[in-house]
C-alpha atoms as a PDB file:
ATOM      1  CA  UNK A   1     -61.933 -33.073  40.702  1.00  0.00           C
ATOM      2  CA  UNK A   2     -61.407 -33.935  44.375  1.00  0.00           C
ATOM      3  CA  UNK A   3     -59.625 -37.400  44.433  1.00  0.00           C
ATOM      4  CA  UNK A   4     -59.984 -39.205  48.108  1.00  0.00           C
ATOM      5  CA  UNK A   5     -60.270 -42.475  49.197  1.00  0.00           C
ATOM      6  CA  UNK A   6     -61.434 -44.893  51.952  1.00  0.00           C
ATOM      7  CA  UNK A   7     -60.599 -47.359  54.310  1.00  0.00           C
ATOM      8  CA  UNK A   8     -62.721 -50.330  54.137  1.00  0.00           C
ATOM      9  CA  UNK A   9     -63.777 -52.528  56.451  1.00  0.00           C
ATOM     10  CA  UNK A  10     -61.236 -55.059  56.046  1.00  0.00           C
ATOM     11  CA  UNK A  11     -58.124 -52.046  56.034  1.00  0.00           C
ATOM     12  CA  UNK A  12     -58.477 -51.803  51.861  1.00  0.00           C
ATOM     13  CA  UNK A  13     -58.027 -48.504  50.456  1.00  0.00           C
ATOM     14  CA  UNK A  14     -60.916 -47.609  48.252  1.00  0.00           C
ATOM     15  CA  UNK A  15     -59.714 -44.383  45.502  1.00  0.00           C
ATOM     16  CA  UNK A  16     -62.083 -42.470  43.998  1.00  0.00           C
ATOM     17  CA  UNK A  17     -62.835 -39.035  42.336  1.00  0.00           C
ATOM     18  CA  UNK A  18     -65.792 -36.443  42.803  1.00  0.00           C
ATOM     19  CA  UNK A  19     -66.595 -34.659  39.871  1.00  0.00           C
ATOM     20  CA  UNK A  20     -69.532 -32.494  38.929  1.00  0.00           C
ATOM     21  CA  UNK A  21     -72.098 -30.902  40.701  1.00  0.00           C
ATOM     22  CA  UNK A  22     -71.548 -32.015  44.184  1.00  0.00           C
ATOM     23  CA  UNK A  23     -75.374 -31.305  45.346  1.00  0.00           C
ATOM     24  CA  UNK A  24     -76.087 -32.883  41.981  1.00  0.00           C
ATOM     25  CA  UNK A  25     -77.687 -36.812  41.272  1.00  0.00           C
ATOM     26  CA  UNK A  26     -74.931 -39.287  41.976  1.00  0.00           C
ATOM     27  CA  UNK A  27     -73.875 -41.522  39.898  1.00  0.00           C
ATOM     28  CA  UNK A  28     -71.129 -44.282  40.825  1.00  0.00           C
ATOM     29  CA  UNK A  29     -69.152 -45.195  37.384  1.00  0.00           C
ATOM     30  CA  UNK A  30     -67.183 -48.051  36.835  1.00  0.00           C
ATOM     31  CA  UNK A  31     -63.724 -47.729  34.473  1.00  0.00           C
ATOM     32  CA  UNK A  32     -62.649 -49.699  31.629  1.00  0.00           C
ATOM     33  CA  UNK A  33     -59.555 -51.594  31.257  1.00  0.00           C
ATOM     34  CA  UNK A  34     -56.669 -50.855  31.867  1.00  0.00           C
ATOM     35  CA  UNK A  35     -58.008 -47.238  33.011  1.00  0.00           C
ATOM     36  CA  UNK A  36     -59.006 -46.009  36.672  1.00  0.00           C
ATOM     37  CA  UNK A  37     -60.911 -43.307  38.669  1.00  0.00           C
ATOM     38  CA  UNK A  38     -59.445 -40.401  36.651  1.00  0.00           C
ATOM     39  CA  UNK A  39     -61.483 -41.358  33.332  1.00  0.00           C
ATOM     40  CA  UNK A  40     -64.040 -38.859  32.920  1.00  0.00           C
ATOM     41  CA  UNK A  41     -62.320 -35.799  34.653  1.00  0.00           C
ATOM     42  CA  UNK A  42     -62.435 -34.344  31.102  1.00  0.00           C
ATOM     43  CA  UNK A  43     -66.122 -34.294  30.957  1.00  0.00           C
ATOM     44  CA  UNK A  44     -66.383 -32.820  34.669  1.00  0.00           C
ATOM     45  CA  UNK A  45     -68.101 -29.254  32.593  1.00  0.00           C
ATOM     46  CA  UNK A  46     -70.838 -31.156  31.294  1.00  0.00           C
ATOM     47  CA  UNK A  47     -71.423 -32.936  34.547  1.00  0.00           C
ATOM     48  CA  UNK A  48     -71.644 -29.722  36.032  1.00  0.00           C
ATOM     49  CA  UNK A  49     -73.953 -28.144  33.618  1.00  0.00           C
ATOM     50  CA  UNK A  50     -76.451 -31.462  33.622  1.00  0.00           C
ATOM     51  CA  UNK A  51     -76.609 -31.488  37.801  1.00  0.00           C
ATOM     52  CA  UNK A  52     -74.934 -34.805  37.915  1.00  0.00           C
ATOM     53  CA  UNK A  53     -71.898 -36.010  40.546  1.00  0.00           C
ATOM     54  CA  UNK A  54     -70.277 -38.641  39.407  1.00  0.00           C
ATOM     55  CA  UNK A  55     -67.735 -40.871  41.775  1.00  0.00           C
ATOM     56  CA  UNK A  56     -65.834 -43.213  40.432  1.00  0.00           C
ATOM     57  CA  UNK A  57     -63.641 -45.618  42.135  1.00  0.00           C
ATOM     58  CA  UNK A  58     -59.953 -47.423  41.390  1.00  0.00           C
ATOM     59  CA  UNK A  59     -61.014 -51.534  41.085  1.00  0.00           C
ATOM     60  CA  UNK A  60     -58.705 -53.474  43.156  1.00  0.00           C
ATOM     61  CA  UNK A  61     -55.345 -53.193  42.028  1.00  0.00           C
ATOM     62  CA  UNK A  62     -55.253 -49.949  39.898  1.00  0.00           C
ATOM     63  CA  UNK A  63     -54.274 -46.910  40.994  1.00  0.00           C
ATOM     64  CA  UNK A  64     -54.465 -46.107  44.141  1.00  0.00           C
ATOM     65  CA  UNK A  65     -57.128 -49.006  45.344  1.00  0.00           C
ATOM     66  CA  UNK A  66     -55.925 -51.857  47.011  1.00  0.00           C
ATOM     67  CA  UNK A  67     -55.269 -54.999  45.643  1.00  0.00           C
ATOM     68  CA  UNK A  68     -57.598 -57.645  46.267  1.00  0.00           C
ATOM     69  CA  UNK A  69     -56.257 -61.034  45.835  1.00  0.00           C
ATOM     70  CA  UNK A  70     -58.788 -63.673  44.865  1.00  0.00           C
ATOM     71  CA  UNK A  71     -61.462 -61.668  43.732  1.00  0.00           C
ATOM     72  CA  UNK A  72     -64.372 -62.249  42.059  1.00  0.00           C
ATOM     73  CA  UNK A  73     -67.069 -60.026  39.820  1.00  0.00           C
ATOM     74  CA  UNK A  74     -69.486 -60.178  42.724  1.00  0.00           C
ATOM     75  CA  UNK A  75     -67.566 -58.970  45.437  1.00  0.00           C
ATOM     76  CA  UNK A  76     -67.082 -55.333  44.005  1.00  0.00           C
ATOM     77  CA  UNK A  77     -71.116 -54.202  45.357  1.00  0.00           C
ATOM     78  CA  UNK A  78     -69.736 -54.303  48.580  1.00  0.00           C
ATOM     79  CA  UNK A  79     -67.238 -51.936  48.532  1.00  0.00           C
ATOM     80  CA  UNK A  80     -69.678 -49.403  46.356  1.00  0.00           C
ATOM     81  CA  UNK A  81     -72.024 -50.012  49.188  1.00  0.00           C
ATOM     82  CA  UNK A  82     -69.120 -48.730  51.965  1.00  0.00           C
ATOM     83  CA  UNK A  83     -68.222 -45.911  49.716  1.00  0.00           C
ATOM     84  CA  UNK A  84     -71.871 -44.523  48.995  1.00  0.00           C
ATOM     85  CA  UNK A  85     -72.347 -45.160  53.275  1.00  0.00           C
ATOM     86  CA  UNK A  86     -69.839 -43.028  53.456  1.00  0.00           C
ATOM     87  CA  UNK A  87     -70.400 -40.270  51.887  1.00  0.00           C
ATOM     88  CA  UNK A  88     -73.549 -40.761  52.922  1.00  0.00           C
ATOM     89  CA  UNK A  89     -75.735 -41.477  49.665  1.00  0.00           C
ATOM     90  CA  UNK A  90     -78.905 -43.298  49.830  1.00  0.00           C
ATOM     91  CA  UNK A  91     -80.127 -43.769  45.958  1.00  0.00           C
ATOM     92  CA  UNK A  92     -77.569 -43.305  43.396  1.00  0.00           C
ATOM     93  CA  UNK A  93     -77.070 -44.778  39.450  1.00  0.00           C
ATOM     94  CA  UNK A  94     -74.315 -46.881  38.524  1.00  0.00           C
ATOM     95  CA  UNK A  95     -72.903 -46.787  34.927  1.00  0.00           C
ATOM     96  CA  UNK A  96     -70.104 -49.025  33.683  1.00  0.00           C
ATOM     97  CA  UNK A  97     -68.194 -48.214  30.525  1.00  0.00           C
ATOM     98  CA  UNK A  98     -66.506 -51.069  28.575  1.00  0.00           C
ATOM     99  CA  UNK A  99     -65.216 -53.472  31.251  1.00  0.00           C
ATOM    100  CA  UNK A 100     -66.576 -51.848  33.760  1.00  0.00           C
ATOM    101  CA  UNK A 101     -70.328 -52.566  31.963  1.00  0.00           C
ATOM    102  CA  UNK A 102     -70.104 -55.880  34.171  1.00  0.00           C
ATOM    103  CA  UNK A 103     -69.784 -54.310  37.417  1.00  0.00           C
ATOM    104  CA  UNK A 104     -72.180 -51.602  36.971  1.00  0.00           C
ATOM    105  CA  UNK A 105     -75.054 -54.579  36.467  1.00  0.00           C
ATOM    106  CA  UNK A 106     -73.733 -56.818  39.219  1.00  0.00           C
ATOM    107  CA  UNK A 107     -74.150 -53.499  41.370  1.00  0.00           C
ATOM    108  CA  UNK A 108     -77.809 -53.613  39.804  1.00  0.00           C
ATOM    109  CA  UNK A 109     -78.315 -57.256  40.773  1.00  0.00           C
ATOM    110  CA  UNK A 110     -77.115 -57.160  44.192  1.00  0.00           C
ATOM    111  CA  UNK A 111     -77.695 -53.517  45.734  1.00  0.00           C
ATOM    112  CA  UNK A 112     -81.430 -53.539  44.448  1.00  0.00           C
ATOM    113  CA  UNK A 113     -82.567 -51.135  46.993  1.00  0.00           C
ATOM    114  CA  UNK A 114     -79.820 -48.396  46.720  1.00  0.00           C
ATOM    115  CA  UNK A 115     -79.321 -48.317  42.557  1.00  0.00           C
ATOM    116  CA  UNK A 116     -81.692 -46.366  41.332  1.00  0.00           C
ATOM    117  CA  UNK A 117     -80.851 -47.004  37.558  1.00  0.00           C
ATOM    118  CA  UNK A 118     -78.340 -48.681  34.812  1.00  0.00           C
ATOM    119  CA  UNK A 119     -76.243 -47.489  32.202  1.00  0.00           C
ATOM    120  CA  UNK A 120     -74.289 -49.900  30.808  1.00  0.00           C
ATOM    121  CA  UNK A 121     -71.770 -48.262  27.630  1.00  0.00           C
ATOM    122  CA  UNK A 122     -70.208 -50.138  25.357  1.00  0.00           C
ATOM    123  CA  UNK A 123     -70.123 -53.081  28.268  1.00  0.00           C
ATOM    124  CA  UNK A 124     -68.849 -56.406  28.374  1.00  0.00           C
ATOM    125  CA  UNK A 125     -71.047 -59.101  28.456  1.00  0.00           C
ATOM    126  CA  UNK A 126     -71.425 -62.518  30.629  1.00  0.00           C
ATOM    127  CA  UNK A 127     -68.298 -64.672  28.665  1.00  0.00           C
ATOM    128  CA  UNK A 128     -70.234 -67.152  30.015  1.00  0.00           C
ATOM    129  CA  UNK A 129     -72.053 -66.859  26.839  1.00  0.00           C
ATOM    130  CA  UNK A 130     -70.417 -68.651  23.933  1.00  0.00           C
ATOM    131  CA  UNK A 131     -70.896 -65.936  21.779  1.00  0.00           C
ATOM    132  CA  UNK A 132     -69.128 -63.369  23.480  1.00  0.00           C
ATOM    133  CA  UNK A 133     -65.832 -64.650  22.261  1.00  0.00           C
ATOM    134  CA  UNK A 134     -66.674 -63.858  18.760  1.00  0.00           C
ATOM    135  CA  UNK A 135     -65.006 -61.101  17.660  1.00  0.00           C
ATOM    136  CA  UNK A 136     -63.462 -59.761  21.195  1.00  0.00           C
ATOM    137  CA  UNK A 137     -59.481 -58.801  21.601  1.00  0.00           C
ATOM    138  CA  UNK A 138     -57.576 -62.247  21.234  1.00  0.00           C
ATOM    139  CA  UNK A 139     -55.205 -60.906  23.420  1.00  0.00           C
ATOM    140  CA  UNK A 140     -57.427 -60.123  26.496  1.00  0.00           C
ATOM    141  CA  UNK A 141     -58.905 -62.981  25.869  1.00  0.00           C
ATOM    142  CA  UNK A 142     -56.188 -65.306  25.979  1.00  0.00           C
ATOM    143  CA  UNK A 143     -55.942 -63.490  29.589  1.00  0.00           C
ATOM    144  CA  UNK A 144     -59.331 -63.979  30.404  1.00  0.00           C
ATOM    145  CA  UNK A 145     -58.830 -68.114  29.403  1.00  0.00           C
ATOM    146  CA  UNK A 146     -55.542 -68.185  32.020  1.00  0.00           C
ATOM    147  CA  UNK A 147     -56.623 -71.262  34.534  1.00  0.00           C
ATOM    148  CA  UNK A 148     -56.002 -69.191  37.740  1.00  0.00           C
ATOM    149  CA  UNK A 149     -55.270 -65.677  38.561  1.00  0.00           C
ATOM    150  CA  UNK A 150     -51.190 -66.361  39.417  1.00  0.00           C
ATOM    151  CA  UNK A 151     -51.270 -67.700  35.365  1.00  0.00           C
ATOM    152  CA  UNK A 152     -52.932 -64.597  34.028  1.00  0.00           C
ATOM    153  CA  UNK A 153     -50.410 -62.109  36.018  1.00  0.00           C
ATOM    154  CA  UNK A 154     -47.414 -64.411  34.855  1.00  0.00           C
ATOM    155  CA  UNK A 155     -48.525 -63.794  31.493  1.00  0.00           C
ATOM    156  CA  UNK A 156     -49.590 -59.819  31.333  1.00  0.00           C
ATOM    157  CA  UNK A 157     -45.966 -59.732  33.055  1.00  0.00           C
ATOM    158  CA  UNK A 158     -43.679 -61.024  30.715  1.00  0.00           C
ATOM    159  CA  UNK A 159     -46.020 -59.769  27.796  1.00  0.00           C
ATOM    160  CA  UNK A 160     -46.333 -56.337  28.586  1.00  0.00           C
ATOM    161  CA  UNK A 161     -43.436 -56.045  31.749  1.00  0.00           C
ATOM    162  CA  UNK A 162     -44.251 -56.102  35.305  1.00  0.00           C
ATOM    163  CA  UNK A 163     -44.860 -52.087  35.089  1.00  0.00           C
ATOM    164  CA  UNK A 164     -47.363 -52.817  32.111  1.00  0.00           C
ATOM    165  CA  UNK A 165     -45.783 -50.495  30.132  1.00  0.00           C
ATOM    166  CA  UNK A 166     -45.013 -52.500  27.409  1.00  0.00           C
ATOM    167  CA  UNK A 167     -49.149 -52.390  27.494  1.00  0.00           C
ATOM    168  CA  UNK A 168     -50.097 -50.134  24.694  1.00  0.00           C
ATOM    169  CA  UNK A 169     -47.638 -51.027  22.364  1.00  0.00           C
ATOM    170  CA  UNK A 170     -48.456 -54.606  22.279  1.00  0.00           C
ATOM    171  CA  UNK A 171     -52.198 -54.335  22.885  1.00  0.00           C
ATOM    172  CA  UNK A 172     -54.529 -55.242  20.001  1.00  0.00           C
ATOM    173  CA  UNK A 173     -57.434 -53.209  20.504  1.00  0.00           C
ATOM    174  CA  UNK A 174     -58.694 -51.387  17.497  1.00  0.00           C
ATOM    175  CA  UNK A 175     -60.778 -47.990  17.736  1.00  0.00           C
ATOM    176  CA  UNK A 176     -62.887 -46.058  15.162  1.00  0.00           C
ATOM    177  CA  UNK A 177     -61.896 -42.807  13.709  1.00  0.00           C
ATOM    178  CA  UNK A 178     -63.863 -40.755  15.932  1.00  0.00           C
ATOM    179  CA  UNK A 179     -61.921 -42.407  19.144  1.00  0.00           C
ATOM    180  CA  UNK A 180     -58.951 -41.864  17.477  1.00  0.00           C
ATOM    181  CA  UNK A 181     -59.717 -38.112  17.054  1.00  0.00           C
ATOM    182  CA  UNK A 182     -61.072 -38.146  20.850  1.00  0.00           C
ATOM    183  CA  UNK A 183     -57.075 -39.456  21.211  1.00  0.00           C
ATOM    184  CA  UNK A 184     -56.228 -36.706  19.396  1.00  0.00           C
ATOM    185  CA  UNK A 185     -57.923 -33.641  21.682  1.00  0.00           C
ATOM    186  CA  UNK A 186     -56.229 -31.359  23.519  1.00  0.00           C
ATOM    187  CA  UNK A 187     -58.513 -31.553  26.301  1.00  0.00           C
ATOM    188  CA  UNK A 188     -59.264 -35.505  26.263  1.00  0.00           C
ATOM    189  CA  UNK A 189     -56.207 -36.656  24.886  1.00  0.00           C
ATOM    190  CA  UNK A 190     -53.809 -35.967  27.642  1.00  0.00           C
ATOM    191  CA  UNK A 191     -56.649 -36.843  30.284  1.00  0.00           C
ATOM    192  CA  UNK A 192     -57.318 -40.252  28.986  1.00  0.00           C
ATOM    193  CA  UNK A 193     -53.462 -40.729  28.826  1.00  0.00           C
ATOM    194  CA  UNK A 194     -53.482 -39.400  32.175  1.00  0.00           C
ATOM    195  CA  UNK A 195     -56.275 -42.169  33.535  1.00  0.00           C
ATOM    196  CA  UNK A 196     -54.440 -45.374  31.192  1.00  0.00           C
ATOM    197  CA  UNK A 197     -50.765 -44.130  33.110  1.00  0.00           C
ATOM    198  CA  UNK A 198     -52.704 -44.265  36.483  1.00  0.00           C
ATOM    199  CA  UNK A 199     -54.020 -47.758  35.992  1.00  0.00           C
ATOM    200  CA  UNK A 200     -50.424 -49.408  35.835  1.00  0.00           C
ATOM    201  CA  UNK A 201     -49.238 -46.998  39.158  1.00  0.00           C
ATOM    202  CA  UNK A 202     -49.015 -50.544  40.902  1.00  0.00           C
ATOM    203  CA  UNK A 203     -47.907 -52.582  38.043  1.00  0.00           C
ATOM    204  CA  UNK A 204     -49.647 -54.917  35.923  1.00  0.00           C
ATOM    205  CA  UNK A 205     -51.272 -57.149  38.425  1.00  0.00           C
ATOM    206  CA  UNK A 206     -54.388 -54.954  38.442  1.00  0.00           C
ATOM    207  CA  UNK A 207     -55.458 -55.310  34.631  1.00  0.00           C
ATOM    208  CA  UNK A 208     -54.359 -59.012  35.053  1.00  0.00           C
ATOM    209  CA  UNK A 209     -56.447 -59.827  37.650  1.00  0.00           C
ATOM    210  CA  UNK A 210     -59.296 -57.498  35.941  1.00  0.00           C
ATOM    211  CA  UNK A 211     -59.175 -59.331  32.541  1.00  0.00           C
ATOM    212  CA  UNK A 212     -59.061 -63.190  34.429  1.00  0.00           C
ATOM    213  CA  UNK A 213     -62.180 -62.115  36.423  1.00  0.00           C
ATOM    214  CA  UNK A 214     -63.715 -60.661  33.263  1.00  0.00           C
ATOM    215  CA  UNK A 215     -63.403 -64.068  31.761  1.00  0.00           C
ATOM    216  CA  UNK A 216     -65.703 -65.936  34.400  1.00  0.00           C
ATOM    217  CA  UNK A 217     -69.321 -66.765  34.055  1.00  0.00           C
ATOM    218  CA  UNK A 218     -71.214 -64.030  35.974  1.00  0.00           C
ATOM    219  CA  UNK A 219     -72.729 -65.637  39.100  1.00  0.00           C
ATOM    220  CA  UNK A 220     -75.464 -63.378  40.200  1.00  0.00           C
ATOM    221  CA  UNK A 221     -78.847 -62.961  39.491  1.00  0.00           C
ATOM    222  CA  UNK A 222     -79.324 -60.664  36.573  1.00  0.00           C
ATOM    223  CA  UNK A 223     -83.156 -61.515  37.022  1.00  0.00           C
ATOM    224  CA  UNK A 224     -83.270 -59.626  40.400  1.00  0.00           C
ATOM    225  CA  UNK A 225     -82.488 -55.966  38.530  1.00  0.00           C
ATOM    226  CA  UNK A 226     -85.421 -53.601  39.194  1.00  0.00           C
ATOM    227  CA  UNK A 227     -84.408 -50.449  38.005  1.00  0.00           C
ATOM    228  CA  UNK A 228     -84.696 -48.755  35.125  1.00  0.00           C
ATOM    229  CA  UNK A 229     -81.879 -50.003  32.582  1.00  0.00           C
ATOM    230  CA  UNK A 230     -80.335 -48.519  29.289  1.00  0.00           C
ATOM    231  CA  UNK A 231     -77.905 -50.795  27.364  1.00  0.00           C
ATOM    232  CA  UNK A 232     -75.847 -48.197  24.931  1.00  0.00           C
ATOM    233  CA  UNK A 233     -73.448 -48.896  22.466  1.00  0.00           C
ATOM    234  CA  UNK A 234     -71.566 -46.879  19.288  1.00  0.00           C
ATOM    235  CA  UNK A 235     -72.826 -48.031  16.136  1.00  0.00           C
ATOM    236  CA  UNK A 236     -68.876 -48.261  14.919  1.00  0.00           C
ATOM    237  CA  UNK A 237     -67.542 -49.311  18.245  1.00  0.00           C
ATOM    238  CA  UNK A 238     -64.104 -51.316  16.689  1.00  0.00           C
ATOM    239  CA  UNK A 239     -63.344 -52.941  20.111  1.00  0.00           C
ATOM    240  CA  UNK A 240     -66.147 -54.053  21.987  1.00  0.00           C
ATOM    241  CA  UNK A 241     -68.919 -56.116  19.671  1.00  0.00           C
ATOM    242  CA  UNK A 242     -72.107 -54.883  18.952  1.00  0.00           C
ATOM    243  CA  UNK A 243     -73.074 -58.331  19.984  1.00  0.00           C
ATOM    244  CA  UNK A 244     -72.369 -57.651  23.423  1.00  0.00           C
ATOM    245  CA  UNK A 245     -74.781 -54.959  24.551  1.00  0.00           C
ATOM    246  CA  UNK A 246     -77.510 -57.177  22.576  1.00  0.00           C
ATOM    247  CA  UNK A 247     -76.777 -60.355  25.078  1.00  0.00           C
ATOM    248  CA  UNK A 248     -76.834 -57.670  28.124  1.00  0.00           C
ATOM    249  CA  UNK A 249     -80.096 -56.404  27.072  1.00  0.00           C
ATOM    250  CA  UNK A 250     -81.445 -59.724  26.276  1.00  0.00           C
ATOM    251  CA  UNK A 251     -80.605 -60.562  30.484  1.00  0.00           C
ATOM    252  CA  UNK A 252     -81.842 -57.563  31.972  1.00  0.00           C
ATOM    253  CA  UNK A 253     -85.429 -57.509  31.630  1.00  0.00           C
ATOM    254  CA  UNK A 254     -87.195 -54.545  30.486  1.00  0.00           C
ATOM    255  CA  UNK A 255     -83.708 -52.558  29.517  1.00  0.00           C
ATOM    256  CA  UNK A 256     -83.490 -50.857  26.298  1.00  0.00           C
ATOM    257  CA  UNK A 257     -80.626 -51.036  24.196  1.00  0.00           C
ATOM    258  CA  UNK A 258     -79.298 -48.183  22.253  1.00  0.00           C
ATOM    259  CA  UNK A 259     -77.113 -48.145  19.487  1.00  0.00           C
ATOM    260  CA  UNK A 260     -75.742 -44.402  18.642  1.00  0.00           C
ATOM    261  CA  UNK A 261     -74.686 -44.251  14.861  1.00  0.00           C
ATOM    262  CA  UNK A 262     -71.208 -42.519  14.824  1.00  0.00           C
ATOM    263  CA  UNK A 263     -70.179 -43.264  17.684  1.00  0.00           C
ATOM    264  CA  UNK A 264     -67.117 -45.355  18.629  1.00  0.00           C
ATOM    265  CA  UNK A 265     -65.766 -47.599  21.970  1.00  0.00           C
ATOM    266  CA  UNK A 266     -64.336 -43.973  23.612  1.00  0.00           C
ATOM    267  CA  UNK A 267     -66.762 -41.613  22.268  1.00  0.00           C
ATOM    268  CA  UNK A 268     -69.783 -42.773  24.028  1.00  0.00           C
ATOM    269  CA  UNK A 269     -68.464 -41.774  26.944  1.00  0.00           C
ATOM    270  CA  UNK A 270     -69.701 -38.296  25.952  1.00  0.00           C
ATOM    271  CA  UNK A 271     -73.368 -39.043  26.169  1.00  0.00           C
ATOM    272  CA  UNK A 272     -73.291 -40.224  29.849  1.00  0.00           C
ATOM    273  CA  UNK A 273     -73.831 -36.611  31.384  1.00  0.00           C
ATOM    274  CA  UNK A 274     -76.813 -36.257  29.076  1.00  0.00           C
ATOM    275  CA  UNK A 275     -78.181 -39.560  29.996  1.00  0.00           C
ATOM    276  CA  UNK A 276     -77.520 -39.429  33.538  1.00  0.00           C
ATOM    277  CA  UNK A 277     -79.506 -36.434  33.671  1.00  0.00           C
ATOM    278  CA  UNK A 278     -82.531 -37.719  32.177  1.00  0.00           C
ATOM    279  CA  UNK A 279     -82.171 -40.699  34.437  1.00  0.00           C
ATOM    280  CA  UNK A 280     -82.436 -38.153  37.063  1.00  0.00           C
ATOM    281  CA  UNK A 281     -85.509 -36.504  36.099  1.00  0.00           C
ATOM    282  CA  UNK A 282     -87.216 -39.619  35.364  1.00  0.00           C
ATOM    283  CA  UNK A 283     -87.334 -40.219  31.712  1.00  0.00           C
ATOM    284  CA  UNK A 284     -86.429 -43.127  30.199  1.00  0.00           C
ATOM    285  CA  UNK A 285     -86.967 -43.165  26.622  1.00  0.00           C
END
């Protein structure tokens, strides 16, 4: 794994990891919340075997990426395009997991000339849709409904500590048994733990802002997405309701919705190497 960073045009740092096959088909992957660029490290051998290169950037305020006060979901594609340009990558797939799902959708909509395919894995949908709130985390919903970013950061600092150290003990997210088994795995467990710890490198503000942004209605045109799109959800996901993926699939014309039996919220990521490989070879089934 290469752990690197670039300097953006406005002077901010964008940190990212580069794993898998350096000569393979590129995927820009967007992590969940609160996670970081390190999340997929335990899957590197699988990506290598499938001929896939994965570049995973920290969103602003997470890990080693500079904060960007007042950012919007629609601001992210510009950072992604800057990363692709810096690495001389013309066309690329985008994939997002959980809270990263909307960022993948935004890139597919706003960078149609660059994005060759979209994969949203257990992705959060447009929270401007009223049905999105049913069954969603009450704790995170509270942050998303805050009146402004500053209020969200203040509430999270009080609830979880300014350093975010109390997040996991206070979180109300539930995970299916396959996810709990993954957390206990000798390879995946420590890697996911390290990725979660890295999310709070700069404190709790990055997560608080991310949740607040997630609660805003999408402002970009989903109808602009022309690339193949796989919307994927675990059949026993206990963290993000299946209704989110169903709704996103309805929004993205021509997309396919795949519900994978036996997969929870986290284990579904193990399907990404194969899915990306199939899309890179022009297979969309």
